């Protein structure tokens, strides 16, 4: 996996067990690059290129940029949509389908009894199916976590498994985590072989722990740190 930008020389290779860090001290460049990463609907205007084995990947499908880790949710629309598809596929391919059809039949009979018991002319949907049943159940992820780092790791796990995200870019993540939590974060990332890039606007105290570090200073000069 490789991430480059057409206007800069840096190349992040995301090799196994590496820690990749991009420090952008120039505010205008910082704003520009973060905006490019988050504007998934304007991919052709972005200078970033994500590739794997010399094949260019669509960033909106394979790359997730997290600007505010406090705002992430396992129950965002894309994840719930994929979860629904997975649950429906599981039901349709197992004995759960027989039970599901029985529940739908009972539910339809129940609705008919309600409608017939009223004085008014009422209509109802007679197109109940497994999808309707899942929507009624409102199945979602348990989004309660003891710590922010646990929530982040769960979000990454679910995003990789359901959305097939291959690369995560975190903006100012180090401002939210303790040193112990950062180590826990990387322990999981390396074990799962997930590609991660941290973007900061200043050098962190633990910069020597990052084996792949690029700094764009206030004069817009690009500096490659050898650790």
Protein backbone atom coordinates (compact mmCIF):
# COMPACT_ATOMS: atom_id res chain seq x y z
CA UNK A 1 0.00 0.00 0.00
CA UNK A 2 1.31 3.44 -0.93
CA UNK A 3 0.05 7.01 -0.48
CA UNK A 4 1.54 9.92 -2.41
CA UNK A 5 0.59 13.46 -3.39
CA UNK A 6 1.20 14.84 -6.87
CA UNK A 7 2.45 18.20 -5.52
CA UNK A 8 4.90 16.80 -2.96
CA UNK A 9 7.79 14.36 -2.91
CA UNK A 10 6.72 12.29 0.09
CA UNK A 11 5.81 8.62 -0.31
CA UNK A 12 4.24 6.63 2.52
CA UNK A 13 4.79 2.93 1.89
CA UNK A 14 2.94 1.59 4.98
CA UNK A 15 5.34 -1.29 5.43
CA UNK A 16 4.65 -3.85 8.13
CA UNK A 17 5.08 -2.53 11.70
CA UNK A 18 5.94 1.01 10.56
CA UNK A 19 4.54 4.17 12.11
CA UNK A 20 3.80 6.83 9.51
CA UNK A 21 3.58 10.49 10.48
CA UNK A 22 2.95 13.62 8.38
CA UNK A 23 3.61 16.88 10.21
CA UNK A 24 2.38 19.99 8.39
CA UNK A 25 3.41 23.19 10.15
CA UNK A 26 2.23 25.47 7.33
CA UNK A 27 -1.46 26.21 8.11
CA UNK A 28 -2.60 26.75 4.50
CA UNK A 29 -1.08 23.46 3.36
CA UNK A 30 -2.49 21.66 6.38
CA UNK A 31 -5.99 22.93 5.61
CA UNK A 32 -5.63 22.09 1.93
CA UNK A 33 -4.47 18.51 2.44
CA UNK A 34 -7.03 17.72 5.12
CA UNK A 35 -9.75 19.17 2.89
CA UNK A 36 -8.61 16.99 -0.01
CA UNK A 37 -8.72 13.87 2.14
CA UNK A 38 -12.20 14.56 3.48
CA UNK A 39 -13.80 15.69 0.18
CA UNK A 40 -14.58 12.20 -1.10
CA UNK A 41 -17.09 13.51 -3.65
CA UNK A 42 -14.35 15.47 -5.47
CA UNK A 43 -11.78 12.72 -5.84
CA UNK A 44 -10.54 13.86 -9.23
CA UNK A 45 -9.56 17.24 -7.71
CA UNK A 46 -7.49 15.67 -4.93
CA UNK A 47 -3.72 15.43 -5.27
CA UNK A 48 -3.56 12.29 -3.12
CA UNK A 49 -3.14 8.93 -4.83
CA UNK A 50 -3.64 5.66 -2.96
CA UNK A 51 -2.34 2.53 -4.64
CA UNK A 52 -1.62 -1.13 -3.99
CA UNK A 53 0.65 -3.24 -6.18
CA UNK A 54 0.76 -0.37 -8.71
CA UNK A 55 -3.05 -0.33 -8.94
CA UNK A 56 -4.71 3.00 -8.11
CA UNK A 57 -7.52 2.64 -5.58
CA UNK A 58 -10.59 4.83 -5.12
CA UNK A 59 -9.95 6.81 -1.97
CA UNK A 60 -13.64 7.22 -1.16
CA UNK A 61 -13.94 3.43 -0.93
CA UNK A 62 -10.58 2.41 0.53
CA UNK A 63 -9.42 5.38 2.61
CA UNK A 64 -11.07 6.86 5.71
CA UNK A 65 -9.98 10.24 7.05
CA UNK A 66 -10.91 10.85 10.69
CA UNK A 67 -10.72 14.54 11.59
CA UNK A 68 -12.64 14.33 14.86
CA UNK A 69 -12.33 10.94 16.62
CA UNK A 70 -14.90 12.05 19.18
CA UNK A 71 -17.53 12.16 16.44
CA UNK A 72 -17.01 8.70 14.96
CA UNK A 73 -19.85 6.22 15.33
CA UNK A 74 -20.19 2.56 14.56
CA UNK A 75 -23.78 3.34 13.64
CA UNK A 76 -23.10 5.73 10.79
CA UNK A 77 -25.25 5.19 7.71
CA UNK A 78 -22.70 3.35 5.57
CA UNK A 79 -21.87 0.84 8.28
CA UNK A 80 -25.51 0.17 9.18
CA UNK A 81 -26.37 -0.29 5.51
CA UNK A 82 -23.63 -2.90 5.10
CA UNK A 83 -24.66 -4.57 8.34
CA UNK A 84 -28.23 -4.84 7.04
CA UNK A 85 -27.02 -6.44 3.82
CA UNK A 86 -24.92 -8.93 5.78
CA UNK A 87 -27.79 -9.85 8.12
CA UNK A 88 -30.21 -10.27 5.22
CA UNK A 89 -27.73 -12.51 3.40
CA UNK A 90 -27.30 -14.62 6.53
CA UNK A 91 -31.06 -15.03 6.96
CA UNK A 92 -31.70 -15.92 3.31
CA UNK A 93 -29.01 -18.59 3.31
CA UNK A 94 -29.95 -20.38 6.55
CA UNK A 95 -32.91 -21.85 8.39
CA UNK A 96 -33.53 -18.39 9.82
CA UNK A 97 -35.50 -17.69 6.62
CA UNK A 98 -38.25 -20.17 7.62
CA UNK A 99 -38.60 -18.56 11.04
CA UNK A 100 -38.47 -15.11 9.51
CA UNK A 101 -41.30 -15.91 7.07
CA UNK A 102 -43.40 -17.23 9.95
CA UNK A 103 -42.86 -14.03 11.91
CA UNK A 104 -43.79 -11.94 8.86
CA UNK A 105 -46.98 -13.98 8.36
CA UNK A 106 -47.93 -13.52 12.02
CA UNK A 107 -47.18 -9.81 11.81
CA UNK A 108 -49.33 -9.40 8.70
CA UNK A 109 -52.23 -11.20 10.44
CA UNK A 110 -51.79 -8.95 13.44
CA UNK A 111 -51.92 -5.81 11.28
CA UNK A 112 -55.04 -7.10 9.48
CA UNK A 113 -56.79 -7.62 12.81
CA UNK A 114 -55.91 -4.08 13.87
CA UNK A 115 -57.18 -2.54 10.63
CA UNK A 116 -60.40 -4.58 10.58
CA UNK A 117 -61.17 -3.54 14.15
CA UNK A 118 -61.32 0.14 13.23
CA UNK A 119 -64.36 2.01 11.89
CA UNK A 120 -62.40 3.93 9.28
CA UNK A 121 -61.22 2.82 5.89
CA UNK A 122 -57.55 2.07 6.54
CA UNK A 123 -54.83 0.72 4.29
CA UNK A 124 -51.48 -0.83 5.15
CA UNK A 125 -48.37 -2.12 3.47
CA UNK A 126 -48.70 -5.71 2.32
CA UNK A 127 -45.10 -5.87 1.14
CA UNK A 128 -43.50 -7.06 4.34
CA UNK A 129 -40.29 -9.03 3.86
CA UNK A 130 -37.05 -9.82 5.64
CA UNK A 131 -35.78 -6.29 5.00
CA UNK A 132 -38.91 -4.87 6.66
CA UNK A 133 -38.39 -7.17 9.62
CA UNK A 134 -34.78 -6.06 10.06
CA UNK A 135 -35.81 -2.41 9.84
CA UNK A 136 -38.45 -2.96 12.48
CA UNK A 137 -35.90 -4.61 14.78
CA UNK A 138 -33.55 -1.62 14.37
CA UNK A 139 -30.45 -3.78 14.82
CA UNK A 140 -27.31 -1.70 15.38
CA UNK A 141 -23.88 -1.83 16.91
CA UNK A 142 -23.28 -1.36 20.62
CA UNK A 143 -21.54 2.02 20.52
CA UNK A 144 -20.77 2.31 24.23
CA UNK A 145 -17.05 2.12 25.04
CA UNK A 146 -14.97 2.54 28.16
CA UNK A 147 -12.39 4.70 26.39
CA UNK A 148 -11.89 6.64 23.17
CA UNK A 149 -9.13 4.33 21.95
CA UNK A 150 -11.44 1.31 22.33
CA UNK A 151 -14.06 3.11 20.26
CA UNK A 152 -11.51 3.99 17.58
CA UNK A 153 -10.26 0.41 17.35
CA UNK A 154 -13.79 -0.99 17.10
CA UNK A 155 -14.60 1.55 14.39
CA UNK A 156 -11.51 0.52 12.42
CA UNK A 157 -12.31 -3.17 12.82
CA UNK A 158 -15.89 -2.80 11.60
CA UNK A 159 -14.87 -0.44 8.75
CA UNK A 160 -12.27 -2.92 7.52
CA UNK A 161 -14.60 -5.91 7.70
CA UNK A 162 -17.77 -4.33 6.28
CA UNK A 163 -16.53 -1.49 4.06
CA UNK A 164 -13.15 -3.02 3.18
CA UNK A 165 -11.32 0.17 4.13
CA UNK A 166 -7.58 -0.34 3.67
CA UNK A 167 -6.09 2.90 4.97
CA UNK A 168 -6.96 5.30 7.81
CA UNK A 169 -5.72 8.87 8.13
CA UNK A 170 -6.15 10.44 11.57
CA UNK A 171 -5.88 14.20 12.06
CA UNK A 172 -4.53 15.32 15.45
CA UNK A 173 -5.12 11.89 16.97
CA UNK A 174 -2.18 12.36 19.35
CA UNK A 175 -4.05 15.23 21.03
CA UNK A 176 -6.68 12.78 22.26
CA UNK A 177 -4.65 9.77 23.41
CA UNK A 178 -2.19 9.13 26.21
CA UNK A 179 1.17 7.57 25.43
CA UNK A 180 -0.12 4.24 26.74
CA UNK A 181 -3.20 4.47 24.50
CA UNK A 182 -1.03 5.27 21.48
CA UNK A 183 0.97 2.10 22.13
CA UNK A 184 -2.26 0.11 22.48
CA UNK A 185 -3.49 1.66 19.23
CA UNK A 186 -0.39 0.62 17.30
CA UNK A 187 -0.34 -2.82 18.86
CA UNK A 188 -3.76 -3.46 17.32
CA UNK A 189 -2.91 -1.76 14.01
CA UNK A 190 0.24 -3.81 13.52
CA UNK A 191 -1.43 -7.05 14.52
CA UNK A 192 -4.27 -6.47 12.04
CA UNK A 193 -1.88 -5.12 9.38
CA UNK A 194 -3.92 -1.93 8.93
CA UNK A 195 -2.37 1.04 7.10
CA UNK A 196 -2.45 4.20 9.23
CA UNK A 197 -1.16 7.72 8.68
CA UNK A 198 -1.20 10.33 11.43
CA UNK A 199 -1.42 14.00 10.43
CA UNK A 200 -0.34 16.63 12.94
CA UNK A 201 0.43 20.34 12.75
CA UNK A 202 3.47 20.10 15.03
CA UNK A 203 6.07 17.51 15.92
CA UNK A 204 4.97 15.29 18.80
CA UNK A 205 7.29 14.61 21.72
CA UNK A 206 7.48 10.97 20.67
CA UNK A 207 8.46 11.73 17.07
CA UNK A 208 11.43 9.32 17.29
CA UNK A 209 9.00 6.42 17.59
CA UNK A 210 7.82 7.05 14.02
CA UNK A 211 9.87 5.25 11.40
CA UNK A 212 8.32 7.09 8.45
CA UNK A 213 8.11 10.83 9.19
CA UNK A 214 7.64 13.74 6.79
CA UNK A 215 7.59 17.37 7.92
CA UNK A 216 6.33 20.26 5.82
CA UNK A 217 7.61 23.25 7.76
CA UNK A 218 6.30 26.82 7.98
CA UNK A 219 8.33 27.78 4.89
CA UNK A 220 6.64 24.94 2.96
CA UNK A 221 9.90 22.97 2.81
CA UNK A 222 9.59 19.20 2.85
CA UNK A 223 11.81 17.41 5.37
CA UNK A 224 12.28 13.66 5.59
CA UNK A 225 13.32 12.52 9.04
CA UNK A 226 15.55 9.49 9.34
CA UNK A 227 14.86 7.65 12.58
